[in-house]
N, C-alpha and C. Protein backbone atom coordinates (compact mmCIF):
# COMPACT_ATOMS: atom_id res chain seq x y z
N MET A 1 34.43 8.41 -36.24
CA MET A 1 32.58 8.67 -35.31
C MET A 1 33.34 8.20 -34.08
N ASP A 2 32.39 9.11 -33.34
CA ASP A 2 32.43 9.65 -31.65
C ASP A 2 30.81 8.75 -31.13
N LEU A 3 31.79 7.26 -30.43
CA LEU A 3 30.95 6.86 -30.07
C LEU A 3 30.31 7.52 -28.40
N PHE A 4 30.93 8.03 -27.74
CA PHE A 4 30.38 9.34 -26.57
C PHE A 4 29.78 9.87 -27.04
N THR A 5 28.60 9.87 -27.46
CA THR A 5 27.68 11.35 -27.95
C THR A 5 26.82 11.65 -26.91
N LYS A 6 25.86 12.36 -26.56
CA LYS A 6 25.43 12.42 -25.61
C LYS A 6 23.95 11.68 -26.22
N ASP A 7 23.41 11.44 -27.44
CA ASP A 7 22.73 10.65 -27.48
C ASP A 7 22.58 8.72 -27.19
N ASN A 8 23.87 8.76 -27.65
CA ASN A 8 24.29 7.03 -27.18
C ASN A 8 24.71 6.86 -25.83
N ILE A 9 24.99 7.86 -24.89
CA ILE A 9 25.19 7.57 -23.82
C ILE A 9 23.61 7.81 -22.84
N THR A 10 22.28 8.35 -23.45
CA THR A 10 21.25 8.48 -22.76
C THR A 10 20.63 6.98 -23.27
N PHE A 11 20.96 6.62 -24.66
CA PHE A 11 20.46 5.65 -24.63
C PHE A 11 21.34 3.79 -23.68
N VAL A 12 21.95 4.07 -23.73
CA VAL A 12 22.61 3.41 -22.67
C VAL A 12 22.21 3.18 -21.31
N LEU A 13 22.61 4.50 -20.81
CA LEU A 13 21.36 4.42 -19.97
C LEU A 13 20.08 3.95 -19.35
N ALA A 14 19.45 4.10 -20.79
CA ALA A 14 17.89 4.02 -20.51
C ALA A 14 18.10 2.38 -20.71
N LEU A 15 18.81 1.66 -21.52
CA LEU A 15 18.96 0.08 -21.32
C LEU A 15 19.16 -0.20 -20.58
N ILE A 16 20.05 0.34 -19.35
CA ILE A 16 20.29 -0.62 -18.25
C ILE A 16 19.70 -0.21 -17.11
N GLY A 17 18.68 0.50 -17.53
CA GLY A 17 17.46 1.00 -16.30
C GLY A 17 16.39 0.00 -17.09
N SER A 18 16.02 0.02 -18.28
CA SER A 18 14.53 -1.03 -18.20
C SER A 18 15.45 -2.38 -18.36
N VAL A 19 16.45 -3.29 -18.54
CA VAL A 19 17.15 -4.45 -17.92
C VAL A 19 16.95 -4.44 -16.30
N GLY A 20 17.43 -3.45 -15.39
CA GLY A 20 17.24 -3.73 -13.95
C GLY A 20 15.58 -3.44 -13.75
N THR A 21 14.90 -3.09 -14.11
CA THR A 21 13.35 -2.91 -14.17
C THR A 21 13.02 -4.28 -14.01
N VAL A 22 13.23 -5.03 -15.43
CA VAL A 22 13.07 -6.29 -15.49
C VAL A 22 13.76 -6.90 -14.74
N LEU A 23 14.64 -7.51 -14.17
CA LEU A 23 15.30 -7.94 -13.26
C LEU A 23 14.87 -8.37 -11.84
N GLY A 24 14.53 -6.55 -11.71
CA GLY A 24 13.70 -6.87 -10.50
C GLY A 24 12.18 -7.10 -10.52
N TRP A 25 11.67 -6.85 -11.60
CA TRP A 25 10.82 -7.92 -11.69
C TRP A 25 10.87 -9.19 -11.13
N ILE A 26 11.06 -9.91 -11.65
CA ILE A 26 11.81 -10.95 -11.87
C ILE A 26 12.06 -11.91 -10.16
N TYR A 27 13.43 -10.69 -10.06
CA TYR A 27 13.32 -11.16 -8.76
C TYR A 27 12.02 -11.19 -7.49
N THR A 28 11.68 -9.93 -7.65
CA THR A 28 10.33 -9.67 -6.88
C THR A 28 9.41 -10.79 -7.22
N PHE A 29 9.29 -11.24 -8.29
CA PHE A 29 8.18 -12.46 -8.37
C PHE A 29 8.47 -13.73 -7.98
N ILE A 30 10.12 -14.00 -7.91
CA ILE A 30 10.20 -15.44 -7.49
C ILE A 30 10.69 -15.19 -6.04
N THR A 31 10.66 -14.52 -5.39
CA THR A 31 11.17 -14.01 -3.99
C THR A 31 9.59 -14.06 -3.07
N SER A 32 8.51 -13.69 -3.86
CA SER A 32 7.11 -13.62 -3.05
C SER A 32 6.11 -14.67 -3.00
N GLN A 33 7.10 -15.86 -3.81
CA GLN A 33 6.01 -16.99 -3.95
C GLN A 33 5.74 -16.75 -2.85
N ARG A 34 4.30 -17.72 -2.58
CA ARG A 34 3.40 -18.31 -1.54
C ARG A 34 4.69 -20.24 -1.32
N LYS A 35 5.00 -20.05 -0.22
CA LYS A 35 5.73 -21.30 -0.05
C LYS A 35 6.13 -21.46 1.34
N ILE A 36 5.32 -22.36 1.62
CA ILE A 36 5.97 -23.17 3.50
C ILE A 36 6.05 -24.80 3.40
N ASP A 37 7.66 -24.85 3.91
CA ASP A 37 7.74 -25.95 3.99
C ASP A 37 7.24 -26.62 5.52
N ILE A 38 6.95 -27.78 5.44
CA ILE A 38 6.12 -28.38 6.40
C ILE A 38 7.26 -29.43 6.98
N GLU A 39 7.35 -30.23 8.21
CA GLU A 39 8.52 -31.02 8.81
C GLU A 39 7.23 -31.70 10.16
N ILE A 40 7.18 -32.97 9.61
CA ILE A 40 6.16 -33.64 10.86
C ILE A 40 7.21 -34.43 12.18
N TYR A 41 7.39 -34.15 13.26
CA TYR A 41 8.33 -34.96 14.23
C TYR A 41 7.71 -35.67 15.10
N ASP A 42 6.66 -35.50 14.73
CA ASP A 42 5.91 -36.55 16.31
C ASP A 42 4.29 -37.00 15.80
N TYR A 43 3.67 -38.23 15.73
CA TYR A 43 2.07 -37.94 15.56
C TYR A 43 2.04 -39.25 16.50
N THR A 44 0.31 -39.21 16.69
CA THR A 44 -0.41 -40.43 17.44
C THR A 44 -1.57 -40.10 17.20
N THR A 45 -2.42 -41.23 17.09
CA THR A 45 -3.63 -41.13 17.45
C THR A 45 -4.29 -41.60 18.21
N TYR A 46 -5.52 -41.51 18.55
CA TYR A 46 -5.96 -41.88 19.91
C TYR A 46 -7.94 -42.65 19.70
N ILE A 47 -8.40 -43.87 19.73
CA ILE A 47 -9.39 -44.01 19.51
C ILE A 47 -9.45 -44.38 17.80
N GLY A 48 -8.88 -44.11 17.25
CA GLY A 48 -9.06 -44.24 15.79
C GLY A 48 -9.55 -42.87 15.18
N LYS A 49 -10.21 -41.54 15.86
CA LYS A 49 -10.39 -40.81 15.73
C LYS A 49 -10.15 -39.37 16.02
N ILE A 50 -9.01 -39.24 16.52
CA ILE A 50 -7.89 -38.12 17.19
C ILE A 50 -6.53 -38.74 16.61
N ALA A 51 -6.31 -37.49 15.40
CA ALA A 51 -4.54 -37.30 15.04
C ALA A 51 -4.25 -35.93 15.99
N GLN A 52 -2.88 -36.70 16.33
CA GLN A 52 -2.51 -35.13 17.03
C GLN A 52 -1.06 -35.07 16.03
N PHE A 53 -0.42 -33.97 15.85
CA PHE A 53 0.97 -33.98 15.11
C PHE A 53 1.43 -33.14 15.77
N PHE A 54 3.23 -33.14 16.00
CA PHE A 54 4.45 -32.18 16.40
C PHE A 54 4.93 -31.44 14.68
N ILE A 55 4.22 -30.44 14.59
CA ILE A 55 4.82 -29.89 13.44
C ILE A 55 5.34 -28.66 13.07
N HIS A 56 5.89 -28.48 12.33
CA HIS A 56 7.22 -27.32 11.94
C HIS A 56 6.34 -27.06 10.68
N PHE A 57 6.50 -25.41 10.75
CA PHE A 57 5.88 -24.63 9.35
C PHE A 57 7.22 -23.75 9.26
N GLN A 58 7.62 -23.88 7.89
CA GLN A 58 8.48 -23.31 7.45
C GLN A 58 8.22 -22.05 6.32
N ASN A 59 8.40 -20.67 6.32
CA ASN A 59 7.28 -19.50 5.45
C ASN A 59 8.91 -19.52 4.48
N GLN A 60 9.04 -20.15 3.24
CA GLN A 60 10.05 -19.82 2.60
C GLN A 60 9.65 -19.02 2.01
N SER A 61 8.87 -17.70 1.87
CA SER A 61 8.50 -16.50 0.95
C SER A 61 9.34 -15.32 1.61
N PHE A 62 9.51 -14.64 0.90
CA PHE A 62 10.14 -13.73 1.43
C PHE A 62 9.52 -12.29 1.99
N LEU A 63 7.75 -12.21 1.91
CA LEU A 63 6.51 -11.95 2.79
C LEU A 63 6.37 -13.03 3.26
N PRO A 64 5.60 -11.97 4.26
CA PRO A 64 4.44 -12.34 5.57
C PRO A 64 3.79 -13.14 5.33
N ILE A 65 3.16 -14.20 5.98
CA ILE A 65 1.99 -15.45 5.69
C ILE A 65 1.50 -15.51 6.95
N CYS A 66 0.06 -15.79 6.51
CA CYS A 66 -1.15 -15.80 7.66
C CYS A 66 -1.75 -17.06 7.88
N ILE A 67 -1.20 -18.41 8.53
CA ILE A 67 -2.16 -19.45 8.72
C ILE A 67 -3.24 -19.32 9.19
N MET A 68 -4.78 -19.28 8.43
CA MET A 68 -5.87 -19.47 9.30
C MET A 68 -6.26 -20.68 9.63
N SER A 69 -5.79 -21.90 8.87
CA SER A 69 -6.67 -22.80 9.46
C SER A 69 -5.71 -24.14 8.42
N VAL A 70 -5.37 -25.60 9.46
CA VAL A 70 -4.84 -26.16 8.24
C VAL A 70 -5.73 -27.68 8.56
N THR A 71 -5.97 -28.23 7.42
CA THR A 71 -7.21 -29.35 7.05
C THR A 71 -6.09 -30.50 6.55
N LEU A 72 -6.59 -31.76 7.34
CA LEU A 72 -5.94 -32.85 6.70
C LEU A 72 -7.12 -33.83 6.57
N VAL A 73 -6.00 -34.45 5.04
CA VAL A 73 -6.87 -34.95 4.42
C VAL A 73 -7.21 -36.51 4.25
N TYR A 74 -7.72 -36.95 4.61
CA TYR A 74 -7.44 -38.83 4.79
C TYR A 74 -8.52 -39.78 4.59
N ASN A 75 -8.04 -40.40 3.40
CA ASN A 75 -9.09 -40.85 2.50
C ASN A 75 -10.00 -40.95 2.11
N GLY A 76 -9.82 -39.22 1.27
CA GLY A 76 -11.13 -38.29 0.72
C GLY A 76 -12.01 -37.59 1.65
N VAL A 77 -11.40 -37.72 3.24
CA VAL A 77 -12.14 -36.89 3.81
C VAL A 77 -11.29 -35.85 4.77
N GLU A 78 -11.75 -34.52 4.40
CA GLU A 78 -11.10 -33.25 5.12
C GLU A 78 -11.63 -33.21 6.19
N THR A 79 -10.61 -32.63 7.36
CA THR A 79 -11.14 -32.52 8.71
C THR A 79 -10.06 -31.36 9.03
N CYS A 80 -10.70 -30.24 9.75
CA CYS A 80 -9.64 -28.56 9.91
C CYS A 80 -9.26 -28.76 11.37
N CYS A 81 -8.77 -28.89 11.67
CA CYS A 81 -7.63 -28.88 12.82
C CYS A 81 -8.59 -27.73 14.02
N GLU A 82 -7.71 -28.12 14.89
CA GLU A 82 -8.98 -27.66 15.95
C GLU A 82 -8.54 -26.06 16.06
N LEU A 83 -8.73 -25.09 16.38
CA LEU A 83 -8.43 -23.24 15.77
C LEU A 83 -8.16 -22.38 16.81
N ILE A 84 -8.70 -23.28 18.31
CA ILE A 84 -9.06 -22.69 19.43
C ILE A 84 -7.95 -23.69 20.25
N PRO A 85 -6.98 -23.09 21.30
CA PRO A 85 -6.22 -23.78 22.20
C PRO A 85 -6.94 -25.05 22.94
N LYS A 86 -6.22 -26.56 22.85
CA LYS A 86 -6.96 -27.39 23.41
C LYS A 86 -5.82 -28.21 24.04
N LYS A 87 -5.41 -28.69 25.20
CA LYS A 87 -4.63 -29.16 26.06
C LYS A 87 -4.28 -30.29 25.35
N ILE A 88 -2.91 -30.23 25.13
CA ILE A 88 -2.02 -31.54 24.20
C ILE A 88 -1.74 -32.93 25.49
N ARG A 89 -0.85 -31.92 26.41
CA ARG A 89 -0.49 -32.96 27.65
C ARG A 89 -0.01 -32.16 28.28
N GLY A 90 0.17 -32.55 29.69
CA GLY A 90 0.59 -32.03 30.58
C GLY A 90 0.00 -31.17 31.67
N ASN A 91 -0.13 -30.38 33.11
CA ASN A 91 -0.92 -29.47 34.11
C ASN A 91 -0.01 -28.70 34.18
N ASP A 92 -1.11 -27.44 34.61
CA ASP A 92 -0.71 -26.48 35.38
C ASP A 92 0.34 -25.57 34.56
N ASN A 93 1.62 -25.55 34.91
CA ASN A 93 2.54 -24.52 34.48
C ASN A 93 3.37 -25.37 33.50
N ASP A 94 2.98 -26.80 33.61
CA ASP A 94 3.95 -27.18 32.24
C ASP A 94 3.21 -27.70 31.22
N LEU A 95 1.63 -27.19 30.92
CA LEU A 95 0.53 -27.34 30.03
C LEU A 95 1.28 -26.88 28.87
N ILE A 96 1.12 -27.66 27.70
CA ILE A 96 1.50 -28.04 26.28
C ILE A 96 0.00 -27.90 25.58
N LYS A 97 -0.34 -26.47 24.88
CA LYS A 97 -1.34 -26.90 24.28
C LYS A 97 -1.27 -26.42 22.44
N SER A 98 -2.60 -26.52 21.99
CA SER A 98 -2.30 -26.31 20.56
C SER A 98 -2.55 -24.72 20.55
N PRO A 99 -2.11 -24.51 18.93
CA PRO A 99 -2.16 -22.68 18.69
C PRO A 99 -3.47 -22.52 18.82
N MET A 100 -3.42 -21.30 19.12
CA MET A 100 -4.25 -19.98 18.61
C MET A 100 -4.29 -19.59 17.49
N PHE A 101 -5.51 -20.33 15.77
CA PHE A 101 -5.22 -19.17 15.09
C PHE A 101 -5.49 -18.13 14.79
N PRO A 102 -5.23 -17.22 13.78
CA PRO A 102 -4.40 -17.69 12.93
C PRO A 102 -2.85 -17.34 13.54
N ILE A 103 -2.39 -18.75 12.37
CA ILE A 103 -0.75 -18.07 12.60
C ILE A 103 -0.13 -17.50 12.12
N ASN A 104 0.37 -15.90 12.36
CA ASN A 104 1.71 -15.18 11.69
C ASN A 104 2.82 -15.67 11.22
N LEU A 105 2.99 -15.66 10.08
CA LEU A 105 4.67 -16.03 9.90
C LEU A 105 5.22 -15.04 9.13
N VAL A 106 6.61 -14.29 9.64
CA VAL A 106 7.15 -13.10 9.27
C VAL A 106 8.33 -13.75 7.62
N ALA A 107 8.68 -13.05 7.28
CA ALA A 107 9.45 -13.61 6.01
C ALA A 107 10.43 -14.61 6.60
N LYS A 108 10.59 -15.85 6.31
CA LYS A 108 11.67 -17.31 6.15
C LYS A 108 11.46 -17.54 7.73
N GLN A 109 10.87 -17.21 9.00
CA GLN A 109 10.70 -17.59 10.19
C GLN A 109 9.72 -19.02 9.88
N GLY A 110 10.40 -19.86 10.76
CA GLY A 110 9.76 -21.33 11.34
C GLY A 110 9.45 -21.45 12.34
N CYS A 111 8.06 -22.45 12.43
CA CYS A 111 7.81 -22.24 14.31
C CYS A 111 7.29 -23.55 14.35
N LEU A 112 7.46 -24.19 15.68
CA LEU A 112 6.94 -25.60 16.05
C LEU A 112 5.40 -25.65 16.68
N TYR A 113 4.13 -26.41 16.15
CA TYR A 113 3.51 -26.62 16.73
C TYR A 113 2.24 -27.45 17.36
N PHE A 114 1.92 -28.13 17.82
CA PHE A 114 0.88 -29.10 18.41
C PHE A 114 -0.35 -29.40 17.90
N LEU A 115 -0.79 -29.80 16.86
CA LEU A 115 -1.97 -29.71 16.21
C LEU A 115 -2.37 -30.88 16.02
N GLU A 116 -4.46 -30.95 16.48
CA GLU A 116 -5.23 -32.02 16.60
C GLU A 116 -6.23 -31.87 15.86
N PHE A 117 -6.93 -33.06 15.67
CA PHE A 117 -7.93 -32.91 14.32
C PHE A 117 -8.95 -34.42 14.93
N VAL A 118 -10.38 -33.33 15.01
CA VAL A 118 -10.77 -34.46 15.80
C VAL A 118 -12.11 -35.13 15.05
N ASN A 119 -12.48 -36.17 14.95
CA ASN A 119 -13.26 -36.68 14.42
C ASN A 119 -12.41 -37.31 13.04
N CYS A 120 -11.86 -37.39 12.74
CA CYS A 120 -11.35 -38.26 11.65
C CYS A 120 -12.01 -39.83 11.75
N GLU A 121 -12.42 -40.10 10.98
CA GLU A 121 -12.89 -41.62 10.65
C GLU A 121 -11.89 -42.41 10.58
N GLN A 122 -11.51 -43.92 11.45
CA GLN A 122 -10.85 -44.22 11.38
C GLN A 122 -9.21 -44.39 10.50
N ILE A 123 -8.83 -42.67 11.16
CA ILE A 123 -7.35 -42.93 10.82
C ILE A 123 -6.44 -43.86 11.54
N SER A 124 -5.51 -43.82 10.75
CA SER A 124 -4.35 -44.57 11.07
C SER A 124 -3.19 -44.19 10.57
N LEU A 125 -2.50 -43.66 11.65
CA LEU A 125 -0.98 -43.46 10.70
C LEU A 125 0.10 -43.99 11.29
N THR A 126 1.00 -44.33 10.33
CA THR A 126 2.32 -45.30 10.44
C THR A 126 3.41 -45.07 9.72
N PRO A 127 4.45 -45.01 10.29
CA PRO A 127 5.60 -44.51 9.18
C PRO A 127 5.60 -45.07 7.91
N GLY A 128 6.01 -43.97 7.06
CA GLY A 128 6.38 -44.70 5.64
C GLY A 128 4.90 -44.37 4.85
N SER A 129 3.54 -43.90 5.69
CA SER A 129 2.47 -43.69 5.25
C SER A 129 2.68 -42.12 4.88
N LYS A 130 1.57 -41.72 3.73
CA LYS A 130 1.32 -40.42 3.00
C LYS A 130 0.43 -40.12 4.36
N VAL A 131 0.22 -38.26 4.89
CA VAL A 131 -0.32 -37.72 4.77
C VAL A 131 -0.63 -36.54 3.94
N ASP A 132 -1.91 -35.78 3.53
CA ASP A 132 -1.87 -34.51 3.18
C ASP A 132 -2.41 -33.68 3.77
N PHE A 133 -1.73 -32.54 3.61
CA PHE A 133 -2.90 -31.38 4.16
C PHE A 133 -2.92 -29.71 3.67
N SER A 134 -4.14 -28.90 3.50
CA SER A 134 -4.35 -28.61 2.89
C SER A 134 -4.34 -27.34 4.07
N ILE A 135 -3.59 -26.14 3.89
CA ILE A 135 -2.97 -24.60 4.29
C ILE A 135 -3.43 -23.46 3.72
N ASN A 136 -4.44 -23.21 4.54
CA ASN A 136 -5.42 -22.03 4.37
C ASN A 136 -4.61 -20.90 4.52
N THR A 137 -4.25 -19.73 3.82
CA THR A 137 -3.18 -19.05 4.02
C THR A 137 -3.86 -17.80 3.41
N ASN A 138 -3.67 -16.41 4.02
CA ASN A 138 -4.45 -15.77 3.37
C ASN A 138 -4.13 -15.01 1.99
N ARG A 139 -2.73 -15.85 1.52
CA ARG A 139 -2.69 -15.89 -0.05
C ARG A 139 -3.05 -17.31 -0.45
N GLY A 140 -4.26 -17.65 -0.01
CA GLY A 140 -4.58 -18.79 -0.86
C GLY A 140 -4.19 -20.30 -0.48
N LYS A 141 -4.95 -21.69 -0.83
CA LYS A 141 -4.08 -23.01 0.13
C LYS A 141 -3.54 -22.93 -0.53
N ILE A 142 -2.48 -23.69 -0.07
CA ILE A 142 -1.18 -24.52 0.01
C ILE A 142 -1.71 -25.98 0.50
N HIS A 143 -1.19 -26.69 -0.69
CA HIS A 143 -1.31 -28.15 -0.95
C HIS A 143 0.24 -28.89 -0.15
N LYS A 144 0.23 -29.77 0.61
CA LYS A 144 1.37 -30.71 1.02
C LYS A 144 0.82 -31.76 1.13
N SER A 145 2.05 -32.66 0.66
CA SER A 145 2.04 -34.16 1.50
C SER A 145 2.93 -34.72 1.79
N VAL A 146 3.16 -35.23 2.92
CA VAL A 146 4.46 -35.35 4.15
C VAL A 146 4.27 -37.44 4.47
N ILE A 147 5.57 -37.56 3.94
CA ILE A 147 5.74 -38.74 4.44
C ILE A 147 5.95 -39.17 5.85
N LEU A 148 5.35 -39.83 6.54
CA LEU A 148 5.86 -39.89 8.04
C LEU A 148 7.08 -40.84 8.07
N SER A 149 7.47 -40.49 9.05
CA SER A 149 8.86 -41.46 9.48
C SER A 149 8.35 -41.57 11.05
N ASP A 150 9.47 -42.42 11.56
CA ASP A 150 9.35 -42.70 12.91
C ASP A 150 8.29 -42.13 13.89
N ILE A 151 7.84 -42.75 14.58
CA ILE A 151 7.64 -41.77 16.13
C ILE A 151 8.77 -41.54 16.79
N SER A 152 8.22 -40.32 17.15
CA SER A 152 9.39 -39.73 18.44
C SER A 152 8.89 -39.67 19.47
N HIS A 153 9.14 -38.71 20.64
CA HIS A 153 9.14 -38.86 21.82
C HIS A 153 8.02 -37.49 22.39
N TYR A 154 7.38 -36.98 21.71
CA TYR A 154 7.25 -35.29 21.81
C TYR A 154 5.32 -35.71 22.57
N LEU A 155 5.21 -36.17 21.95
CA LEU A 155 3.81 -36.87 22.04
C LEU A 155 3.48 -38.68 22.56
N HIS A 156 4.77 -39.30 23.00
CA HIS A 156 4.55 -40.35 23.34
C HIS A 156 5.08 -40.49 24.74
N ILE A 157 5.05 -39.47 25.89
CA ILE A 157 5.41 -39.59 26.96
C ILE A 157 4.58 -39.82 28.17
N GLY A 158 4.69 -41.00 28.58
CA GLY A 158 3.25 -41.41 29.76
C GLY A 158 3.28 -40.56 30.48
């Protein structure tokens, strides 16, 4: 009995092609998931109503993503960050501002930004407390919770 007939070779090639297609679909599904990691390097509050964060966004997807806004969820109240640049600190050439939205991140790109949230009722940010964010993207909302570490020096320079 000859195993290398035209029909058997065609069947094996078709089977390999089908398995490759299914594996390609699985790979595409896994690598195109919307996933953003965030890390907070520093944070501060002013007058109990304004919260500022020095935050790192990391696009973990193999597809680009567009962040249209970031919402802080504190005590059940949602507060959107300032969407146009606002002064964080400094003057003239050393001026540091919050970003202009939307923020576009290509595949696997990460960026650091200062974000400001205004009219946060009696917000209190302390090391060890949990902060919830809702990140609005062109691919849907992503909810993230972060446990705050100790404050750093980025927002605490006199």
